[in-house]
ModelCIF file with pLDDT and N, C-alpha, C, O atoms, coordinates in Angstrom:
data_MODEL
#
_entry.id   MODEL 
#
_entity.id                         1 
_entity.type                       polymer 
_entity.pdbx_number_of_molecules   1 
#
_entity_poly.entity_id                      1 
_entity_poly.type                           'polypeptide(L)' 
_entity_poly.nstd_linkage                   no 
_entity_poly.nstd_monomer                   no 
_entity_poly.pdbx_seq_one_letter_code       
;(UNK)(UNK)(UNK)(UNK)(UNK)(UNK)(UNK)(UNK)(UNK)(UNK)(UNK)(UNK)(UNK)(UNK)(UNK)(UNK)
(UNK)(UNK)(UNK)(UNK)(UNK)(UNK)(UNK)(UNK)(UNK)(UNK)(UNK)(UNK)(UNK)(UNK)(UNK)(UNK)
(UNK)(UNK)(UNK)(UNK)(UNK)(UNK)(UNK)(UNK)(UNK)(UNK)(UNK)(UNK)(UNK)(UNK)(UNK)
;
_entity_poly.pdbx_seq_one_letter_code_can   XXXXXXXXXXXXXXXXXXXXXXXXXXXXXXXXXXXXXXXXXXXXXXX 
_entity_poly.pdbx_strand_id                 A 
#
loop_
_entity_poly_seq.entity_id 
_entity_poly_seq.num 
_entity_poly_seq.mon_id 
_entity_poly_seq.hetero 
1 1  UNK n 
1 2  UNK n 
1 3  UNK n 
1 4  UNK n 
1 5  UNK n 
1 6  UNK n 
1 7  UNK n 
1 8  UNK n 
1 9  UNK n 
1 10 UNK n 
1 11 UNK n 
1 12 UNK n 
1 13 UNK n 
1 14 UNK n 
1 15 UNK n 
1 16 UNK n 
1 17 UNK n 
1 18 UNK n 
1 19 UNK n 
1 20 UNK n 
1 21 UNK n 
1 22 UNK n 
1 23 UNK n 
1 24 UNK n 
1 25 UNK n 
1 26 UNK n 
1 27 UNK n 
1 28 UNK n 
1 29 UNK n 
1 30 UNK n 
1 31 UNK n 
1 32 UNK n 
1 33 UNK n 
1 34 UNK n 
1 35 UNK n 
1 36 UNK n 
1 37 UNK n 
1 38 UNK n 
1 39 UNK n 
1 40 UNK n 
1 41 UNK n 
1 42 UNK n 
1 43 UNK n 
1 44 UNK n 
1 45 UNK n 
1 46 UNK n 
1 47 UNK n 
#
_struct_asym.id          A 
_struct_asym.entity_id   1 
#
loop_
_ma_qa_metric.id 
_ma_qa_metric.mode 
_ma_qa_metric.name 
_ma_qa_metric.software_group_id 
_ma_qa_metric.type 
1 global pLDDT . pLDDT 
2 local  pLDDT . pLDDT 
#
_ma_qa_metric_global.metric_id      1 
_ma_qa_metric_global.metric_value   77.57 
_ma_qa_metric_global.model_id       1 
_ma_qa_metric_global.ordinal_id     1 
#
loop_
_ma_qa_metric_local.label_asym_id 
_ma_qa_metric_local.label_comp_id 
_ma_qa_metric_local.label_seq_id 
_ma_qa_metric_local.metric_id 
_ma_qa_metric_local.metric_value 
_ma_qa_metric_local.model_id 
_ma_qa_metric_local.ordinal_id 
A UNK 1  2 32.00 1 1  
A UNK 2  2 34.00 1 2  
A UNK 3  2 34.00 1 3  
A UNK 4  2 38.00 1 4  
A UNK 5  2 36.00 1 5  
A UNK 6  2 41.00 1 6  
A UNK 7  2 38.00 1 7  
A UNK 8  2 39.00 1 8  
A UNK 9  2 40.00 1 9  
A UNK 10 2 44.00 1 10 
A UNK 11 2 49.00 1 11 
A UNK 12 2 75.00 1 12 
A UNK 13 2 87.00 1 13 
A UNK 14 2 89.00 1 14 
A UNK 15 2 88.00 1 15 
A UNK 16 2 89.00 1 16 
A UNK 17 2 90.00 1 17 
A UNK 18 2 92.00 1 18 
A UNK 19 2 93.00 1 19 
A UNK 20 2 92.00 1 20 
A UNK 21 2 91.00 1 21 
A UNK 22 2 92.00 1 22 
A UNK 23 2 93.00 1 23 
A UNK 24 2 92.00 1 24 
A UNK 25 2 92.00 1 25 
A UNK 26 2 92.00 1 26 
A UNK 27 2 92.00 1 27 
A UNK 28 2 91.00 1 28 
A UNK 29 2 89.00 1 29 
A UNK 30 2 83.00 1 30 
A UNK 31 2 86.00 1 31 
A UNK 32 2 89.00 1 32 
A UNK 33 2 89.00 1 33 
A UNK 34 2 91.00 1 34 
A UNK 35 2 89.00 1 35 
A UNK 36 2 90.00 1 36 
A UNK 37 2 92.00 1 37 
A UNK 38 2 91.00 1 38 
A UNK 39 2 89.00 1 39 
A UNK 40 2 88.00 1 40 
A UNK 41 2 91.00 1 41 
A UNK 42 2 89.00 1 42 
A UNK 43 2 86.00 1 43 
A UNK 44 2 88.00 1 44 
A UNK 45 2 88.00 1 45 
A UNK 46 2 90.00 1 46 
A UNK 47 2 93.00 1 47 
#
loop_
_atom_site.group_PDB 
_atom_site.id 
_atom_site.type_symbol 
_atom_site.label_atom_id 
_atom_site.label_alt_id 
_atom_site.label_comp_id 
_atom_site.label_asym_id 
_atom_site.label_entity_id 
_atom_site.label_seq_id 
_atom_site.pdbx_PDB_ins_code 
_atom_site.Cartn_x 
_atom_site.Cartn_y 
_atom_site.Cartn_z 
_atom_site.occupancy 
_atom_site.B_iso_or_equiv 
_atom_site.pdbx_formal_charge 
_atom_site.auth_seq_id 
_atom_site.auth_comp_id 
_atom_site.auth_asym_id 
_atom_site.auth_atom_id 
_atom_site.pdbx_PDB_model_num 
ATOM 1   N N  . UNK A 1 1  ? 0.701  14.773  12.794  1.00 32.00 ? 1  UNK A N  1 
ATOM 2   C CA . UNK A 1 1  ? 0.699  14.645  11.399  1.00 32.00 ? 1  UNK A CA 1 
ATOM 3   C C  . UNK A 1 1  ? 2.028  13.821  10.995  1.00 32.00 ? 1  UNK A C  1 
ATOM 4   O O  . UNK A 1 1  ? 3.080  13.801  11.634  1.00 32.00 ? 1  UNK A O  1 
ATOM 5   N N  . UNK A 1 2  ? 1.762  13.196  9.875   1.00 34.00 ? 2  UNK A N  1 
ATOM 6   C CA . UNK A 1 2  ? 3.089  12.522  9.298   1.00 34.00 ? 2  UNK A CA 1 
ATOM 7   C C  . UNK A 1 2  ? 3.548  13.415  8.229   1.00 34.00 ? 2  UNK A C  1 
ATOM 8   O O  . UNK A 1 2  ? 2.868  14.374  7.865   1.00 34.00 ? 2  UNK A O  1 
ATOM 9   N N  . UNK A 1 3  ? 4.700  13.118  7.713   1.00 34.00 ? 3  UNK A N  1 
ATOM 10  C CA . UNK A 1 3  ? 5.256  13.872  6.703   1.00 34.00 ? 3  UNK A CA 1 
ATOM 11  C C  . UNK A 1 3  ? 4.326  14.145  5.365   1.00 34.00 ? 3  UNK A C  1 
ATOM 12  O O  . UNK A 1 3  ? 4.588  15.047  4.570   1.00 34.00 ? 3  UNK A O  1 
ATOM 13  N N  . UNK A 1 4  ? 3.287  13.313  5.233   1.00 38.00 ? 4  UNK A N  1 
ATOM 14  C CA . UNK A 1 4  ? 2.373  13.551  4.099   1.00 38.00 ? 4  UNK A CA 1 
ATOM 15  C C  . UNK A 1 4  ? 0.972  13.879  4.701   1.00 38.00 ? 4  UNK A C  1 
ATOM 16  O O  . UNK A 1 4  ? -0.049 13.458  4.158   1.00 38.00 ? 4  UNK A O  1 
ATOM 17  N N  . UNK A 1 5  ? 0.941  14.630  5.823   1.00 36.00 ? 5  UNK A N  1 
ATOM 18  C CA . UNK A 1 5  ? -0.370 15.029  6.335   1.00 36.00 ? 5  UNK A CA 1 
ATOM 19  C C  . UNK A 1 5  ? -1.396 14.103  6.793   1.00 36.00 ? 5  UNK A C  1 
ATOM 20  O O  . UNK A 1 5  ? -2.584 14.414  6.874   1.00 36.00 ? 5  UNK A O  1 
ATOM 21  N N  . UNK A 1 6  ? -0.906 12.923  7.101   1.00 41.00 ? 6  UNK A N  1 
ATOM 22  C CA . UNK A 1 6  ? -1.950 11.909  7.705   1.00 41.00 ? 6  UNK A CA 1 
ATOM 23  C C  . UNK A 1 6  ? -1.807 11.851  9.192   1.00 41.00 ? 6  UNK A C  1 
ATOM 24  O O  . UNK A 1 6  ? -0.724 11.914  9.774   1.00 41.00 ? 6  UNK A O  1 
ATOM 25  N N  . UNK A 1 7  ? -3.039 11.719  9.799   1.00 38.00 ? 7  UNK A N  1 
ATOM 26  C CA . UNK A 1 7  ? -3.199 11.593  11.117  1.00 38.00 ? 7  UNK A CA 1 
ATOM 27  C C  . UNK A 1 7  ? -3.115 10.071  11.450  1.00 38.00 ? 7  UNK A C  1 
ATOM 28  O O  . UNK A 1 7  ? -3.341 9.225   10.585  1.00 38.00 ? 7  UNK A O  1 
ATOM 29  N N  . UNK A 1 8  ? -2.768 9.739   12.788  1.00 39.00 ? 8  UNK A N  1 
ATOM 30  C CA . UNK A 1 8  ? -2.693 8.344   13.191  1.00 39.00 ? 8  UNK A CA 1 
ATOM 31  C C  . UNK A 1 8  ? -4.028 7.734   12.987  1.00 39.00 ? 8  UNK A C  1 
ATOM 32  O O  . UNK A 1 8  ? -5.072 8.340   13.227  1.00 39.00 ? 8  UNK A O  1 
ATOM 33  N N  . UNK A 1 9  ? -3.968 6.468   12.520  1.00 40.00 ? 9  UNK A N  1 
ATOM 34  C CA . UNK A 1 9  ? -5.155 5.647   12.277  1.00 40.00 ? 9  UNK A CA 1 
ATOM 35  C C  . UNK A 1 9  ? -5.387 5.604   10.745  1.00 40.00 ? 9  UNK A C  1 
ATOM 36  O O  . UNK A 1 9  ? -5.943 4.646   10.207  1.00 40.00 ? 9  UNK A O  1 
ATOM 37  N N  . UNK A 1 10 ? -4.926 6.704   10.059  1.00 44.00 ? 10 UNK A N  1 
ATOM 38  C CA . UNK A 1 10 ? -5.072 6.747   8.581   1.00 44.00 ? 10 UNK A CA 1 
ATOM 39  C C  . UNK A 1 10 ? -4.049 5.799   7.831   1.00 44.00 ? 10 UNK A C  1 
ATOM 40  O O  . UNK A 1 10 ? -3.116 5.406   8.531   1.00 44.00 ? 10 UNK A O  1 
ATOM 41  N N  . UNK A 1 11 ? -4.077 5.415   6.654   1.00 49.00 ? 11 UNK A N  1 
ATOM 42  C CA . UNK A 1 11 ? -3.101 4.589   6.010   1.00 49.00 ? 11 UNK A CA 1 
ATOM 43  C C  . UNK A 1 11 ? -1.691 5.220   5.959   1.00 49.00 ? 11 UNK A C  1 
ATOM 44  O O  . UNK A 1 11 ? -1.505 6.359   5.533   1.00 49.00 ? 11 UNK A O  1 
ATOM 45  N N  . UNK A 1 12 ? -0.685 4.394   6.430   1.00 75.00 ? 12 UNK A N  1 
ATOM 46  C CA . UNK A 1 12 ? 0.666  4.970   6.205   1.00 75.00 ? 12 UNK A CA 1 
ATOM 47  C C  . UNK A 1 12 ? 1.258  4.760   4.918   1.00 75.00 ? 12 UNK A C  1 
ATOM 48  O O  . UNK A 1 12 ? 2.154  3.953   4.669   1.00 75.00 ? 12 UNK A O  1 
ATOM 49  N N  . UNK A 1 13 ? 0.712  5.519   4.138   1.00 87.00 ? 13 UNK A N  1 
ATOM 50  C CA . UNK A 1 13 ? 1.298  5.345   2.582   1.00 87.00 ? 13 UNK A CA 1 
ATOM 51  C C  . UNK A 1 13 ? 2.673  6.141   2.493   1.00 87.00 ? 13 UNK A C  1 
ATOM 52  O O  . UNK A 1 13 ? 2.870  7.300   2.858   1.00 87.00 ? 13 UNK A O  1 
ATOM 53  N N  . UNK A 1 14 ? 3.502  5.326   1.971   1.00 89.00 ? 14 UNK A N  1 
ATOM 54  C CA . UNK A 1 14 ? 5.030  5.925   1.756   1.00 89.00 ? 14 UNK A CA 1 
ATOM 55  C C  . UNK A 1 14 ? 5.073  6.313   0.302   1.00 89.00 ? 14 UNK A C  1 
ATOM 56  O O  . UNK A 1 14 ? 5.351  5.505   -0.585  1.00 89.00 ? 14 UNK A O  1 
ATOM 57  N N  . UNK A 1 15 ? 4.778  7.621   0.085   1.00 88.00 ? 15 UNK A N  1 
ATOM 58  C CA . UNK A 1 15 ? 4.986  8.091   -1.098  1.00 88.00 ? 15 UNK A CA 1 
ATOM 59  C C  . UNK A 1 15 ? 6.391  8.343   -1.795  1.00 88.00 ? 15 UNK A C  1 
ATOM 60  O O  . UNK A 1 15 ? 7.291  8.869   -1.140  1.00 88.00 ? 15 UNK A O  1 
ATOM 61  N N  . UNK A 1 16 ? 6.563  8.013   -2.971  1.00 89.00 ? 16 UNK A N  1 
ATOM 62  C CA . UNK A 1 16 ? 7.825  7.906   -3.639  1.00 89.00 ? 16 UNK A CA 1 
ATOM 63  C C  . UNK A 1 16 ? 8.830  7.022   -3.022  1.00 89.00 ? 16 UNK A C  1 
ATOM 64  O O  . UNK A 1 16 ? 10.034 7.274   -3.047  1.00 89.00 ? 16 UNK A O  1 
ATOM 65  N N  . UNK A 1 17 ? 8.320  6.001   -2.478  1.00 90.00 ? 17 UNK A N  1 
ATOM 66  C CA . UNK A 1 17 ? 9.237  4.859   -1.872  1.00 90.00 ? 17 UNK A CA 1 
ATOM 67  C C  . UNK A 1 17 ? 8.806  3.482   -2.418  1.00 90.00 ? 17 UNK A C  1 
ATOM 68  O O  . UNK A 1 17 ? 7.665  3.019   -2.421  1.00 90.00 ? 17 UNK A O  1 
ATOM 69  N N  . UNK A 1 18 ? 9.974  2.901   -2.892  1.00 92.00 ? 18 UNK A N  1 
ATOM 70  C CA . UNK A 1 18 ? 9.791  1.541   -3.411  1.00 92.00 ? 18 UNK A CA 1 
ATOM 71  C C  . UNK A 1 18 ? 10.361 0.665   -2.219  1.00 92.00 ? 18 UNK A C  1 
ATOM 72  O O  . UNK A 1 18 ? 11.177 1.079   -1.396  1.00 92.00 ? 18 UNK A O  1 
ATOM 73  N N  . UNK A 1 19 ? 9.799  -0.632  -2.248  1.00 93.00 ? 19 UNK A N  1 
ATOM 74  C CA . UNK A 1 19 ? 10.345 -1.625  -1.431  1.00 93.00 ? 19 UNK A CA 1 
ATOM 75  C C  . UNK A 1 19 ? 10.512 -2.932  -2.385  1.00 93.00 ? 19 UNK A C  1 
ATOM 76  O O  . UNK A 1 19 ? 9.625  -3.783  -2.438  1.00 93.00 ? 19 UNK A O  1 
ATOM 77  N N  . UNK A 1 20 ? 11.619 -3.018  -3.074  1.00 92.00 ? 20 UNK A N  1 
ATOM 78  C CA . UNK A 1 20 ? 11.882 -4.118  -4.056  1.00 92.00 ? 20 UNK A CA 1 
ATOM 79  C C  . UNK A 1 20 ? 12.243 -5.337  -3.298  1.00 92.00 ? 20 UNK A C  1 
ATOM 80  O O  . UNK A 1 20 ? 12.951 -5.341  -2.291  1.00 92.00 ? 20 UNK A O  1 
ATOM 81  N N  . UNK A 1 21 ? 11.674 -6.430  -3.888  1.00 91.00 ? 21 UNK A N  1 
ATOM 82  C CA . UNK A 1 21 ? 11.909 -7.872  -3.219  1.00 91.00 ? 21 UNK A CA 1 
ATOM 83  C C  . UNK A 1 21 ? 10.873 -8.372  -2.472  1.00 91.00 ? 21 UNK A C  1 
ATOM 84  O O  . UNK A 1 21 ? 9.889  -7.711  -2.143  1.00 91.00 ? 21 UNK A O  1 
ATOM 85  N N  . UNK A 1 22 ? 11.082 -9.610  -2.174  1.00 92.00 ? 22 UNK A N  1 
ATOM 86  C CA . UNK A 1 22 ? 10.032 -10.519 -1.340  1.00 92.00 ? 22 UNK A CA 1 
ATOM 87  C C  . UNK A 1 22 ? 8.588  -10.503 -2.078  1.00 92.00 ? 22 UNK A C  1 
ATOM 88  O O  . UNK A 1 22 ? 7.560  -10.638 -1.414  1.00 92.00 ? 22 UNK A O  1 
ATOM 89  N N  . UNK A 1 23 ? 8.565  -10.360 -3.250  1.00 93.00 ? 23 UNK A N  1 
ATOM 90  C CA . UNK A 1 23 ? 7.277  -10.400 -3.982  1.00 93.00 ? 23 UNK A CA 1 
ATOM 91  C C  . UNK A 1 23 ? 6.814  -11.885 -4.159  1.00 93.00 ? 23 UNK A C  1 
ATOM 92  O O  . UNK A 1 23 ? 7.589  -12.768 -4.525  1.00 93.00 ? 23 UNK A O  1 
ATOM 93  N N  . UNK A 1 24 ? 5.511  -12.093 -3.875  1.00 92.00 ? 24 UNK A N  1 
ATOM 94  C CA . UNK A 1 24 ? 4.890  -13.330 -4.040  1.00 92.00 ? 24 UNK A CA 1 
ATOM 95  C C  . UNK A 1 24 ? 3.631  -13.218 -4.938  1.00 92.00 ? 24 UNK A C  1 
ATOM 96  O O  . UNK A 1 24 ? 3.135  -14.263 -5.359  1.00 92.00 ? 24 UNK A O  1 
ATOM 97  N N  . UNK A 1 25 ? 3.082  -12.020 -5.260  1.00 92.00 ? 25 UNK A N  1 
ATOM 98  C CA . UNK A 1 25 ? 1.992  -11.838 -6.162  1.00 92.00 ? 25 UNK A CA 1 
ATOM 99  C C  . UNK A 1 25 ? 2.168  -10.417 -6.667  1.00 92.00 ? 25 UNK A C  1 
ATOM 100 O O  . UNK A 1 25 ? 2.529  -9.470  -5.968  1.00 92.00 ? 25 UNK A O  1 
ATOM 101 N N  . UNK A 1 26 ? 1.877  -10.375 -7.936  1.00 92.00 ? 26 UNK A N  1 
ATOM 102 C CA . UNK A 1 26 ? 1.614  -9.016  -8.609  1.00 92.00 ? 26 UNK A CA 1 
ATOM 103 C C  . UNK A 1 26 ? 0.541  -9.090  -9.507  1.00 92.00 ? 26 UNK A C  1 
ATOM 104 O O  . UNK A 1 26 ? 0.255  -10.159 -10.047 1.00 92.00 ? 26 UNK A O  1 
ATOM 105 N N  . UNK A 1 27 ? -0.177 -7.892  -9.752  1.00 92.00 ? 27 UNK A N  1 
ATOM 106 C CA . UNK A 1 27 ? -1.374 -7.835  -10.500 1.00 92.00 ? 27 UNK A CA 1 
ATOM 107 C C  . UNK A 1 27 ? -1.625 -6.468  -11.066 1.00 92.00 ? 27 UNK A C  1 
ATOM 108 O O  . UNK A 1 27 ? -1.104 -5.521  -10.478 1.00 92.00 ? 27 UNK A O  1 
ATOM 109 N N  . UNK A 1 28 ? -2.344 -6.246  -12.113 1.00 91.00 ? 28 UNK A N  1 
ATOM 110 C CA . UNK A 1 28 ? -2.782 -5.057  -12.719 1.00 91.00 ? 28 UNK A CA 1 
ATOM 111 C C  . UNK A 1 28 ? -3.932 -4.339  -11.921 1.00 91.00 ? 28 UNK A C  1 
ATOM 112 O O  . UNK A 1 28 ? -4.791 -5.027  -11.370 1.00 91.00 ? 28 UNK A O  1 
ATOM 113 N N  . UNK A 1 29 ? -3.957 -3.171  -11.860 1.00 89.00 ? 29 UNK A N  1 
ATOM 114 C CA . UNK A 1 29 ? -5.160 -2.550  -11.338 1.00 89.00 ? 29 UNK A CA 1 
ATOM 115 C C  . UNK A 1 29 ? -5.832 -1.610  -12.454 1.00 89.00 ? 29 UNK A C  1 
ATOM 116 O O  . UNK A 1 29 ? -5.183 -0.722  -13.007 1.00 89.00 ? 29 UNK A O  1 
ATOM 117 N N  . UNK A 1 30 ? -7.095 -1.852  -12.724 1.00 83.00 ? 30 UNK A N  1 
ATOM 118 C CA . UNK A 1 30 ? -7.874 -1.049  -13.731 1.00 83.00 ? 30 UNK A CA 1 
ATOM 119 C C  . UNK A 1 30 ? -8.158 0.253   -13.033 1.00 83.00 ? 30 UNK A C  1 
ATOM 120 O O  . UNK A 1 30 ? -8.407 1.211   -13.765 1.00 83.00 ? 30 UNK A O  1 
ATOM 121 N N  . UNK A 1 31 ? -8.159 0.441   -11.702 1.00 86.00 ? 31 UNK A N  1 
ATOM 122 C CA . UNK A 1 31 ? -8.256 1.739   -11.075 1.00 86.00 ? 31 UNK A CA 1 
ATOM 123 C C  . UNK A 1 31 ? -6.993 2.116   -10.462 1.00 86.00 ? 31 UNK A C  1 
ATOM 124 O O  . UNK A 1 31 ? -6.478 1.399   -9.603  1.00 86.00 ? 31 UNK A O  1 
ATOM 125 N N  . UNK A 1 32 ? -6.396 3.349   -10.910 1.00 89.00 ? 32 UNK A N  1 
ATOM 126 C CA . UNK A 1 32 ? -5.114 3.885   -10.294 1.00 89.00 ? 32 UNK A CA 1 
ATOM 127 C C  . UNK A 1 32 ? -5.300 4.327   -8.921  1.00 89.00 ? 32 UNK A C  1 
ATOM 128 O O  . UNK A 1 32 ? -5.462 5.525   -8.691  1.00 89.00 ? 32 UNK A O  1 
ATOM 129 N N  . UNK A 1 33 ? -5.289 3.420   -7.944  1.00 89.00 ? 33 UNK A N  1 
ATOM 130 C CA . UNK A 1 33 ? -5.543 3.835   -6.597  1.00 89.00 ? 33 UNK A CA 1 
ATOM 131 C C  . UNK A 1 33 ? -4.646 2.989   -5.673  1.00 89.00 ? 33 UNK A C  1 
ATOM 132 O O  . UNK A 1 33 ? -4.901 1.786   -5.615  1.00 89.00 ? 33 UNK A O  1 
ATOM 133 N N  . UNK A 1 34 ? -3.673 3.455   -4.977  1.00 91.00 ? 34 UNK A N  1 
ATOM 134 C CA . UNK A 1 34 ? -2.862 2.673   -4.011  1.00 91.00 ? 34 UNK A CA 1 
ATOM 135 C C  . UNK A 1 34 ? -3.622 2.119   -2.910  1.00 91.00 ? 34 UNK A C  1 
ATOM 136 O O  . UNK A 1 34 ? -3.177 1.164   -2.274  1.00 91.00 ? 34 UNK A O  1 
ATOM 137 N N  . UNK A 1 35 ? -4.823 2.691   -2.621  1.00 89.00 ? 35 UNK A N  1 
ATOM 138 C CA . UNK A 1 35 ? -5.529 2.141   -1.341  1.00 89.00 ? 35 UNK A CA 1 
ATOM 139 C C  . UNK A 1 35 ? -6.158 0.755   -1.796  1.00 89.00 ? 35 UNK A C  1 
ATOM 140 O O  . UNK A 1 35 ? -6.478 -0.064  -0.934  1.00 89.00 ? 35 UNK A O  1 
ATOM 141 N N  . UNK A 1 36 ? -6.319 0.515   -3.021  1.00 90.00 ? 36 UNK A N  1 
ATOM 142 C CA . UNK A 1 36 ? -6.645 -0.912  -3.414  1.00 90.00 ? 36 UNK A CA 1 
ATOM 143 C C  . UNK A 1 36 ? -5.662 -1.960  -3.096  1.00 90.00 ? 36 UNK A C  1 
ATOM 144 O O  . UNK A 1 36 ? -5.935 -3.050  -2.593  1.00 90.00 ? 36 UNK A O  1 
ATOM 145 N N  . UNK A 1 37 ? -4.410 -1.506  -3.457  1.00 92.00 ? 37 UNK A N  1 
ATOM 146 C CA . UNK A 1 37 ? -3.282 -2.530  -3.117  1.00 92.00 ? 37 UNK A CA 1 
ATOM 147 C C  . UNK A 1 37 ? -3.103 -2.652  -1.694  1.00 92.00 ? 37 UNK A C  1 
ATOM 148 O O  . UNK A 1 37 ? -2.836 -3.747  -1.200  1.00 92.00 ? 37 UNK A O  1 
ATOM 149 N N  . UNK A 1 38 ? -3.243 -1.505  -0.926  1.00 91.00 ? 38 UNK A N  1 
ATOM 150 C CA . UNK A 1 38 ? -3.146 -1.670  0.550   1.00 91.00 ? 38 UNK A CA 1 
ATOM 151 C C  . UNK A 1 38 ? -4.149 -2.582  1.023   1.00 91.00 ? 38 UNK A C  1 
ATOM 152 O O  . UNK A 1 38 ? -3.814 -3.517  1.750   1.00 91.00 ? 38 UNK A O  1 
ATOM 153 N N  . UNK A 1 39 ? -5.316 -2.411  0.695   1.00 89.00 ? 39 UNK A N  1 
ATOM 154 C CA . UNK A 1 39 ? -6.570 -3.133  1.032   1.00 89.00 ? 39 UNK A CA 1 
ATOM 155 C C  . UNK A 1 39 ? -6.327 -4.659  0.695   1.00 89.00 ? 39 UNK A C  1 
ATOM 156 O O  . UNK A 1 39 ? -6.660 -5.536  1.492   1.00 89.00 ? 39 UNK A O  1 
ATOM 157 N N  . UNK A 1 40 ? -5.792 -4.908  -0.396  1.00 88.00 ? 40 UNK A N  1 
ATOM 158 C CA . UNK A 1 40 ? -5.647 -6.376  -0.784  1.00 88.00 ? 40 UNK A CA 1 
ATOM 159 C C  . UNK A 1 40 ? -4.494 -6.989  0.111   1.00 88.00 ? 40 UNK A C  1 
ATOM 160 O O  . UNK A 1 40 ? -4.563 -8.170  0.451   1.00 88.00 ? 40 UNK A O  1 
ATOM 161 N N  . UNK A 1 41 ? -3.439 -6.190  0.491   1.00 91.00 ? 41 UNK A N  1 
ATOM 162 C CA . UNK A 1 41 ? -2.388 -6.739  1.409   1.00 91.00 ? 41 UNK A CA 1 
ATOM 163 C C  . UNK A 1 41 ? -3.102 -7.115  2.772   1.00 91.00 ? 41 UNK A C  1 
ATOM 164 O O  . UNK A 1 41 ? -2.842 -8.160  3.369   1.00 91.00 ? 41 UNK A O  1 
ATOM 165 N N  . UNK A 1 42 ? -4.076 -6.126  3.240   1.00 89.00 ? 42 UNK A N  1 
ATOM 166 C CA . UNK A 1 42 ? -4.618 -6.375  4.432   1.00 89.00 ? 42 UNK A CA 1 
ATOM 167 C C  . UNK A 1 42 ? -5.532 -7.598  4.474   1.00 89.00 ? 42 UNK A C  1 
ATOM 168 O O  . UNK A 1 42 ? -5.777 -8.204  5.517   1.00 89.00 ? 42 UNK A O  1 
ATOM 169 N N  . UNK A 1 43 ? -6.006 -7.914  3.308   1.00 86.00 ? 43 UNK A N  1 
ATOM 170 C CA . UNK A 1 43 ? -6.973 -9.138  3.275   1.00 86.00 ? 43 UNK A CA 1 
ATOM 171 C C  . UNK A 1 43 ? -6.145 -10.400 2.942   1.00 86.00 ? 43 UNK A C  1 
ATOM 172 O O  . UNK A 1 43 ? -6.730 -11.477 3.059   1.00 86.00 ? 43 UNK A O  1 
ATOM 173 N N  . UNK A 1 44 ? -4.948 -10.399 2.570   1.00 88.00 ? 44 UNK A N  1 
ATOM 174 C CA . UNK A 1 44 ? -4.330 -11.556 2.150   1.00 88.00 ? 44 UNK A CA 1 
ATOM 175 C C  . UNK A 1 44 ? -3.278 -12.141 3.284   1.00 88.00 ? 44 UNK A C  1 
ATOM 176 O O  . UNK A 1 44 ? -2.201 -11.588 3.509   1.00 88.00 ? 44 UNK A O  1 
ATOM 177 N N  . UNK A 1 45 ? -3.641 -13.102 3.836   1.00 88.00 ? 45 UNK A N  1 
ATOM 178 C CA . UNK A 1 45 ? -2.606 -13.543 5.011   1.00 88.00 ? 45 UNK A CA 1 
ATOM 179 C C  . UNK A 1 45 ? -1.114 -13.560 4.865   1.00 88.00 ? 45 UNK A C  1 
ATOM 180 O O  . UNK A 1 45 ? -0.426 -13.236 5.833   1.00 88.00 ? 45 UNK A O  1 
ATOM 181 N N  . UNK A 1 46 ? -0.570 -13.906 3.754   1.00 90.00 ? 46 UNK A N  1 
ATOM 182 C CA . UNK A 1 46 ? 0.834  -13.867 3.790   1.00 90.00 ? 46 UNK A CA 1 
ATOM 183 C C  . UNK A 1 46 ? 1.451  -12.656 3.588   1.00 90.00 ? 46 UNK A C  1 
ATOM 184 O O  . UNK A 1 46 ? 2.670  -12.599 3.750   1.00 90.00 ? 46 UNK A O  1 
ATOM 185 N N  . UNK A 1 47 ? 0.788  -11.600 3.238   1.00 93.00 ? 47 UNK A N  1 
ATOM 186 C CA . UNK A 1 47 ? 1.217  -10.310 2.873   1.00 93.00 ? 47 UNK A CA 1 
ATOM 187 C C  . UNK A 1 47 ? 1.807  -9.489  4.145   1.00 93.00 ? 47 UNK A C  1 
ATOM 188 O O  . UNK A 1 47 ? 2.226  -8.341  3.998   1.00 93.00 ? 47 UNK A O  1 
#
């Protein structure tokens, strides 16, 4: 298990962690779900 109860193969979400800088795109999410942000990064080649 990870520190946040995740098993290997699940998303490695870093809770209460910011990674400022290197931004090339930002956008609003009408659904408050970090999984959408994670999935968008996975689908976007430069991310």
